Each structure stands twice: as C-alpha cells, then as structure tokens.
Amino acid sequence: MIIVTGANGKLGRGVVEQLLKRIPAERIGVSVRDVSQAQDLKERGVRVRHGDFAHTESLLNAFEDASQVLLVSTGILGDDGIRQHQNAIDTAKKSGAGRVLYTSHMGSSATSYFPPMVHHAATEVLLRESSIRHTSLRNGFYASSLTGLIGEAVKTGELIVPEDGPIAWTTHSDLAQAAAVILTEKNWDGPSPNLTASEAIDMEGVAAMISDIVGRPIYRKVVTDEAYRAYLAAQDYSEVRIAITLGLFRASRNGDFAQTSNALTDLIRRSPLTLRDFFKESLPL
C-alpha cells in the first residue's frame, strides 16, 4: 500500500488524485491530522487514518501495511520540524515500508540563505542515515508562492521587491503528477533531478508578464533589503516570515533556484504549465 501524508494539503491531495488514476483505491492510504476533511477520499475507497508526525502511535497505525510512504514536508522549521520528520522516517522504517519519498526542493542546502532549504537538507541527511531506501523529490519552487510576493501589485501597478535572481516557478499540480509517476513507475534512489518548469524568470520578467496579462503597466521597484524588511513589517509580517521572505531573494540572487531540467517534462509526458498560464488561472484580473 502507498501511504501519502498531508493528504488534506494542496500537494498531498494532488498526489492522491493522481494515484487514483493509476492504481486501485484500495492500494492507497492517507495519513491526515483531520480525518473529517478526507471523508470524500474514504468514500472513494482510499484508506483514511489519523496520523500526526508528533505522535508515533498515530503514525504506526496510519503507516500499517505500507510498501511506500510519501512524506510531505510539514513546513515546520527548526528543531521541532526536524524532530517530526525524524519521527516519521523512523516510523516508516518500523512499519516495514520498502521506500520513503520526501518532498524536498531544488536548492536544498545546509548553507542556503533560504531557511526552508536548510530544513530540507537536514531531512535528507536523516533519510541517508536511516538506511531506508529513499527518494528526495527536488521540487521546483511552488508558483503559488508568487501570489503573496506580488501582493497588491496588480492594483497599485508597483511590484516592490529587493534585488533577486531567476526562479524556476513550478505548479503543485504538475509536481503532484510527477510524484505519482515516481511512486508507481520509478525506482530512483537518493535526490531526484530538479523537477522544474521549463523556464526560470526573475521579478522583472514577472512584472512584465503580469502587465501583459492584465493589460496595464506593472512596474518593478527595486528596494534595499532593509527597505523591504520595513515594507514587510508594515504589513504585519512576523520576524520569522520576514526572514524567510528575505532569504528567498538572497538565495535567488545566489542562483539557487535558476537551474531548470527536463526531468519533470519527461515524467508527466507533456510540457509543464507555464508561469503565464498559471497567472491567467490565478490572478485577480
């Protein structure tokens, strides 16, 4: 049985939907913190069980009979997040799973300026040290993150950001499909190739693209990191969120998210959704 954690989230639910197109529902199980939000999956024949990375007993039950476990990153940074990932890895191994897949990220590095990349790198170390067969999915940067960075730019005509570098923005839906293919067809060990869309674009390009789509000028305004920090603070961003957001721009300036790959195209057997088409679907026009 393939177990998918975090199946009430955007990526986890997308993976389950893709798996349902490939294998019988009775071969799919989900581990979720709130089973009431996954009743539709239960009605379709998916095994739904409560699982919390912080509680081993719940995971032992959720991972029962697992052949593979897809660990969707909790997004909890720092020691607490690493402890939860360690717990999930240990429990998957104890449950007899033959392989663990983890939703890592392109640019995963212990020295990254972007805090989530340090978190992913630490989890990849845990996987290597566990001796369990594993695959780290080096996902491209989620395009949905852009909606928050764009903020009010569509209304104001001004995209306020610090200096940046190109990012290979990639959609949850394409990455979910790729994960399902890897779970059912691929035997990759260790880090996957970068799973990205076909282009990397900086915020200057983003502003130009939005301008073209909405039919009115959107200008990119480059500010210093200090000015951007103040800009975010004025919007009631917490210090943690400010550090993460600024870290993204610093890491992109370092080229951490610029490298593209054909691996995603090969897996899903089509071209990934372009950023332009993503904007057409998601922007408030």
Protein backbone atom coordinates (compact mmCIF):
# COMPACT_ATOMS: atom_id res chain seq x y z
CA MET A 1 0.00 0.00 0.00
CA ILE A 2 1.20 3.51 -0.85
CA ILE A 3 0.73 5.91 2.06
CA VAL A 4 0.52 9.66 1.42
CA THR A 5 0.92 12.01 4.36
CA GLY A 6 -0.52 15.51 4.41
CA ALA A 7 -3.28 14.45 2.03
CA ASN A 8 -5.51 17.35 3.07
CA GLY A 9 -2.94 19.80 1.69
CA LYS A 10 -2.58 21.02 -1.87
CA LEU A 11 0.35 18.80 -2.84
CA GLY A 12 -0.64 15.69 -0.88
CA ARG A 13 -4.23 15.76 -2.15
CA GLY A 14 -2.97 16.29 -5.69
CA VAL A 15 -0.75 13.21 -5.41
CA VAL A 16 -3.67 11.10 -4.18
CA GLU A 17 -5.85 12.26 -7.06
CA GLN A 18 -3.11 11.31 -9.50
CA LEU A 19 -2.59 7.92 -7.85
CA LEU A 20 -6.30 7.19 -8.19
CA LYS A 21 -5.86 7.45 -11.95
CA ARG A 22 -3.10 4.84 -11.87
CA ILE A 23 -3.82 2.22 -9.21
CA PRO A 24 -6.88 0.85 -7.38
CA ALA A 25 -8.10 2.93 -4.45
CA GLU A 26 -7.60 0.03 -2.03
CA ARG A 27 -3.85 0.27 -2.64
CA ILE A 28 -3.79 3.87 -1.40
CA GLY A 29 -3.78 5.06 2.19
CA VAL A 30 -3.60 8.58 3.58
CA SER A 31 -2.27 9.88 6.86
CA VAL A 32 -4.01 13.11 7.88
CA ARG A 33 -4.35 15.05 11.09
CA ASP A 34 -8.07 15.71 10.48
CA VAL A 35 -9.85 12.67 9.05
CA SER A 36 -13.09 14.62 8.67
CA GLN A 37 -11.51 16.61 5.84
CA ALA A 38 -10.70 13.41 3.92
CA GLN A 39 -14.12 11.73 4.01
CA ASP A 40 -14.51 12.13 0.26
CA LEU A 41 -11.40 10.00 -0.21
CA LYS A 42 -12.76 7.37 2.17
CA GLU A 43 -15.98 7.24 0.17
CA ARG A 44 -13.91 6.57 -2.95
CA GLY A 45 -12.20 3.58 -1.35
CA VAL A 46 -8.99 5.18 -0.03
CA ARG A 47 -7.92 4.11 3.47
CA VAL A 48 -8.08 7.19 5.67
CA ARG A 49 -6.36 7.20 9.05
CA HIS A 50 -5.32 9.82 11.56
CA GLY A 51 -1.59 10.47 11.61
CA ASP A 52 0.42 13.17 13.33
CA PHE A 53 4.20 13.43 12.87
CA ALA A 54 4.49 14.39 16.53
CA HIS A 55 2.82 11.19 17.78
CA THR A 56 4.41 7.86 16.92
CA GLU A 57 1.42 5.70 17.82
CA SER A 58 -0.80 7.53 15.35
CA LEU A 59 1.79 7.09 12.61
CA LEU A 60 2.21 3.38 13.34
CA ASN A 61 -1.49 2.97 12.71
CA ALA A 62 -1.51 5.25 9.66
CA PHE A 63 1.53 3.53 8.09
CA GLU A 64 0.30 -0.03 8.65
CA ASP A 65 0.97 -2.31 5.63
CA ALA A 66 2.92 0.43 3.85
CA SER A 67 5.05 -0.55 0.88
CA GLN A 68 5.98 3.09 0.24
CA VAL A 69 5.41 6.26 2.25
CA LEU A 70 5.35 9.73 0.74
CA LEU A 71 6.37 12.17 3.47
CA VAL A 72 5.07 15.61 2.57
CA SER A 73 7.17 18.18 4.41
CA THR A 74 5.34 19.70 7.36
CA GLY A 75 6.73 23.17 6.71
CA ILE A 76 7.63 23.45 10.39
CA LEU A 77 11.16 24.83 10.54
CA GLY A 78 13.80 24.44 13.22
CA ASP A 79 14.33 21.65 15.72
CA ASP A 80 10.62 20.86 16.09
CA GLY A 81 10.23 20.28 12.38
CA ILE A 82 13.32 18.09 12.17
CA ARG A 83 12.16 16.02 15.15
CA GLN A 84 8.82 15.44 13.47
CA HIS A 85 10.48 14.37 10.23
CA GLN A 86 12.80 12.05 12.16
CA ASN A 87 9.78 10.53 13.86
CA ALA A 88 8.01 9.96 10.53
CA ILE A 89 11.11 8.37 8.95
CA ASP A 90 11.70 6.11 11.95
CA THR A 91 8.06 5.05 12.00
CA ALA A 92 8.00 4.32 8.27
CA LYS A 93 11.03 2.08 8.74
CA LYS A 94 9.46 0.36 11.75
CA SER A 95 6.29 -0.19 9.74
CA GLY A 96 8.24 -2.12 7.12
CA ALA A 97 7.94 0.34 4.26
CA GLY A 98 10.30 -0.50 1.43
CA ARG A 99 10.85 3.10 0.39
CA VAL A 100 10.26 6.60 1.73
CA LEU A 101 9.79 9.52 -0.63
CA TYR A 102 10.21 13.04 0.71
CA THR A 103 9.05 16.32 -0.83
CA SER A 104 12.35 18.18 -0.82
CA HIS A 105 13.22 21.14 -3.03
CA MET A 106 15.65 22.31 -5.65
CA GLY A 107 18.36 24.33 -3.93
CA SER A 108 18.27 22.13 -0.83
CA SER A 109 21.45 23.03 1.06
CA ALA A 110 22.69 23.31 4.62
CA THR A 111 24.18 26.70 3.74
CA SER A 112 21.24 28.21 1.85
CA TYR A 113 20.11 31.75 2.65
CA PHE A 114 16.52 30.46 2.42
CA PRO A 115 15.62 28.74 5.74
CA PRO A 116 13.34 26.03 4.25
CA MET A 117 16.26 24.77 2.14
CA VAL A 118 18.33 24.20 5.30
CA HIS A 119 15.36 22.27 6.70
CA HIS A 120 15.11 20.10 3.58
CA ALA A 121 18.85 19.43 3.59
CA ALA A 122 18.70 18.32 7.21
CA THR A 123 15.82 15.95 6.44
CA GLU A 124 17.74 14.47 3.52
CA VAL A 125 20.59 13.74 5.94
CA LEU A 126 18.12 11.94 8.22
CA LEU A 127 16.97 9.83 5.30
CA ARG A 128 20.53 8.87 4.36
CA GLU A 129 21.35 7.99 7.96
CA SER A 130 18.18 5.90 8.35
CA SER A 131 19.48 3.31 5.84
CA ILE A 132 15.96 3.01 4.46
CA ARG A 133 15.63 3.15 0.69
CA HIS A 134 14.50 6.66 -0.15
CA THR A 135 13.94 9.26 -2.85
CA SER A 136 14.16 13.01 -2.27
CA LEU A 137 11.93 14.85 -4.71
CA ARG A 138 13.78 18.04 -5.64
CA ASN A 139 10.66 20.03 -6.46
CA GLY A 140 10.79 23.32 -8.30
CA PHE A 141 9.73 26.46 -6.47
CA TYR A 142 5.96 26.49 -5.97
CA ALA A 143 4.37 29.06 -8.27
CA SER A 144 1.61 29.67 -5.73
CA SER A 145 4.23 31.39 -3.54
CA LEU A 146 4.29 34.19 -6.07
CA THR A 147 0.76 35.32 -5.28
CA GLY A 148 1.91 36.53 -1.86
CA LEU A 149 5.05 38.16 -3.23
CA ILE A 150 3.04 40.01 -5.85
CA GLY A 151 0.75 41.36 -3.15
CA GLU A 152 -1.16 44.42 -4.27
CA ALA A 153 0.91 44.99 -7.41
CA VAL A 154 -2.00 44.21 -9.74
CA LYS A 155 -3.97 47.03 -8.09
CA THR A 156 -1.18 49.53 -7.44
CA GLY A 157 0.87 48.93 -10.58
CA GLU A 158 4.05 48.68 -8.49
CA LEU A 159 5.84 45.43 -7.63
CA ILE A 160 8.08 46.23 -4.67
CA VAL A 161 10.89 43.70 -4.21
CA PRO A 162 14.63 43.66 -3.43
CA GLU A 163 17.27 42.54 -5.90
CA ASP A 164 16.60 38.98 -7.00
CA GLY A 165 17.58 36.23 -9.43
CA PRO A 166 15.73 33.82 -11.73
CA ILE A 167 13.46 31.18 -10.21
CA ALA A 168 12.04 28.10 -11.95
CA TRP A 169 8.44 28.51 -10.77
CA THR A 170 6.53 25.21 -10.92
CA THR A 171 2.92 24.28 -10.13
CA HIS A 172 1.65 21.94 -7.42
CA SER A 173 -0.47 20.08 -9.97
CA ASP A 174 2.49 19.19 -12.18
CA LEU A 175 4.61 18.17 -9.20
CA ALA A 176 1.77 16.04 -7.83
CA GLN A 177 1.53 14.20 -11.12
CA ALA A 178 5.29 13.66 -11.16
CA ALA A 179 5.24 12.26 -7.63
CA ALA A 180 2.52 9.79 -8.58
CA VAL A 181 4.54 8.63 -11.57
CA ILE A 182 7.64 8.17 -9.40
CA LEU A 183 5.63 6.23 -6.78
CA THR A 184 4.24 3.84 -9.38
CA GLU A 185 6.91 3.65 -12.08
CA LYS A 186 10.34 4.89 -10.97
CA ASN A 187 12.92 3.34 -8.68
CA TRP A 188 15.09 6.40 -8.13
CA ASP A 189 17.34 6.34 -5.08
CA GLY A 190 18.56 9.49 -3.40
CA PRO A 191 17.86 13.00 -4.73
CA SER A 192 15.83 13.23 -7.92
CA PRO A 193 16.81 15.56 -10.76
CA ASN A 194 15.37 19.04 -10.34
CA LEU A 195 11.64 18.81 -11.08
CA THR A 196 11.01 22.20 -12.60
CA ALA A 197 9.08 24.04 -15.26
CA SER A 198 10.98 24.82 -18.44
CA GLU A 199 11.94 28.42 -17.68
CA ALA A 200 13.44 30.44 -14.87
CA ILE A 201 12.28 34.04 -14.58
CA ASP A 202 13.17 36.96 -12.32
CA MET A 203 10.83 39.55 -10.85
CA GLU A 204 11.47 41.95 -13.71
CA GLY A 205 10.11 39.28 -16.03
CA VAL A 206 7.23 38.57 -13.65
CA ALA A 207 6.21 42.24 -13.66
CA ALA A 208 6.34 42.38 -17.47
CA MET A 209 4.30 39.18 -17.73
CA ILE A 210 1.62 40.45 -15.36
CA SER A 211 1.48 43.75 -17.25
CA ASP A 212 0.83 41.89 -20.47
CA ILE A 213 -1.86 39.69 -18.94
CA VAL A 214 -3.82 42.41 -17.12
CA GLY A 215 -3.37 44.96 -19.89
CA ARG A 216 -1.93 47.77 -17.77
CA PRO A 217 1.58 48.69 -16.63
CA ILE A 218 3.06 46.88 -13.63
CA TYR A 219 6.45 48.30 -12.70
CA ARG A 220 9.10 46.53 -10.69
CA LYS A 221 10.52 48.76 -7.97
CA VAL A 222 13.84 47.52 -6.58
CA VAL A 223 14.47 48.38 -2.93
CA THR A 224 17.25 47.51 -0.50
CA ASP A 225 16.87 44.52 1.80
CA GLU A 226 16.48 46.91 4.72
CA ALA A 227 13.72 48.85 2.98
CA TYR A 228 11.97 45.60 2.05
CA ARG A 229 12.17 44.44 5.65
CA ALA A 230 10.43 47.65 6.72
CA TYR A 231 7.87 47.21 3.92
CA LEU A 232 7.03 43.71 5.13
CA ALA A 233 6.96 44.78 8.78
CA ALA A 234 4.43 47.47 7.89
CA GLN A 235 2.21 44.65 6.59
CA ASP A 236 2.43 42.91 9.99
CA TYR A 237 4.76 40.15 8.82
CA SER A 238 6.29 38.28 11.75
CA GLU A 239 10.07 38.27 12.14
CA VAL A 240 10.17 34.62 11.09
CA ARG A 241 8.15 35.31 7.95
CA ILE A 242 10.32 38.33 7.13
CA ALA A 243 13.48 36.23 7.46
CA ILE A 244 12.03 33.56 5.17
CA THR A 245 10.89 36.05 2.54
CA LEU A 246 14.15 37.97 2.50
CA GLY A 247 16.01 34.66 2.46
CA LEU A 248 14.20 33.72 -0.73
CA PHE A 249 15.52 36.79 -2.53
CA ARG A 250 19.03 36.35 -1.18
CA ALA A 251 19.08 32.71 -2.29
CA SER A 252 17.71 33.58 -5.72
CA ARG A 253 20.46 36.20 -6.11
CA ASN A 254 22.85 33.36 -5.41
CA GLY A 255 21.36 31.37 -8.30
CA ASP A 256 19.91 28.64 -6.06
CA PHE A 257 16.64 28.31 -7.98
CA ALA A 258 17.67 29.15 -11.53
CA GLN A 259 18.59 25.71 -12.88
CA THR A 260 15.90 24.03 -14.99
CA SER A 261 15.65 20.40 -16.05
CA ASN A 262 13.70 18.25 -18.49
CA ALA A 263 13.01 15.64 -15.80
CA LEU A 264 9.53 16.94 -14.97
CA THR A 265 8.54 17.06 -18.64
CA ASP A 266 9.77 13.50 -19.09
CA LEU A 267 7.85 12.25 -16.06
CA ILE A 268 4.48 13.81 -16.87
CA ARG A 269 4.97 13.29 -20.64
CA ARG A 270 3.96 16.84 -21.53
CA SER A 271 5.16 20.38 -21.05
CA PRO A 272 4.64 21.69 -17.50
CA LEU A 273 2.19 24.52 -17.03
CA THR A 274 3.88 27.81 -17.85
CA LEU A 275 4.00 30.66 -15.38
CA ARG A 276 1.96 32.75 -17.82
CA ASP A 277 -0.83 30.18 -17.87
CA PHE A 278 -0.65 29.87 -14.09
CA PHE A 279 -1.14 33.63 -13.79
CA LYS A 280 -4.08 33.54 -16.19
CA GLU A 281 -5.74 31.00 -13.92
CA SER A 282 -4.89 32.59 -10.58
CA LEU A 283 -4.50 36.36 -10.83
CA PRO A 284 -7.39 38.65 -9.89
CA LEU A 285 -7.78 40.36 -13.26
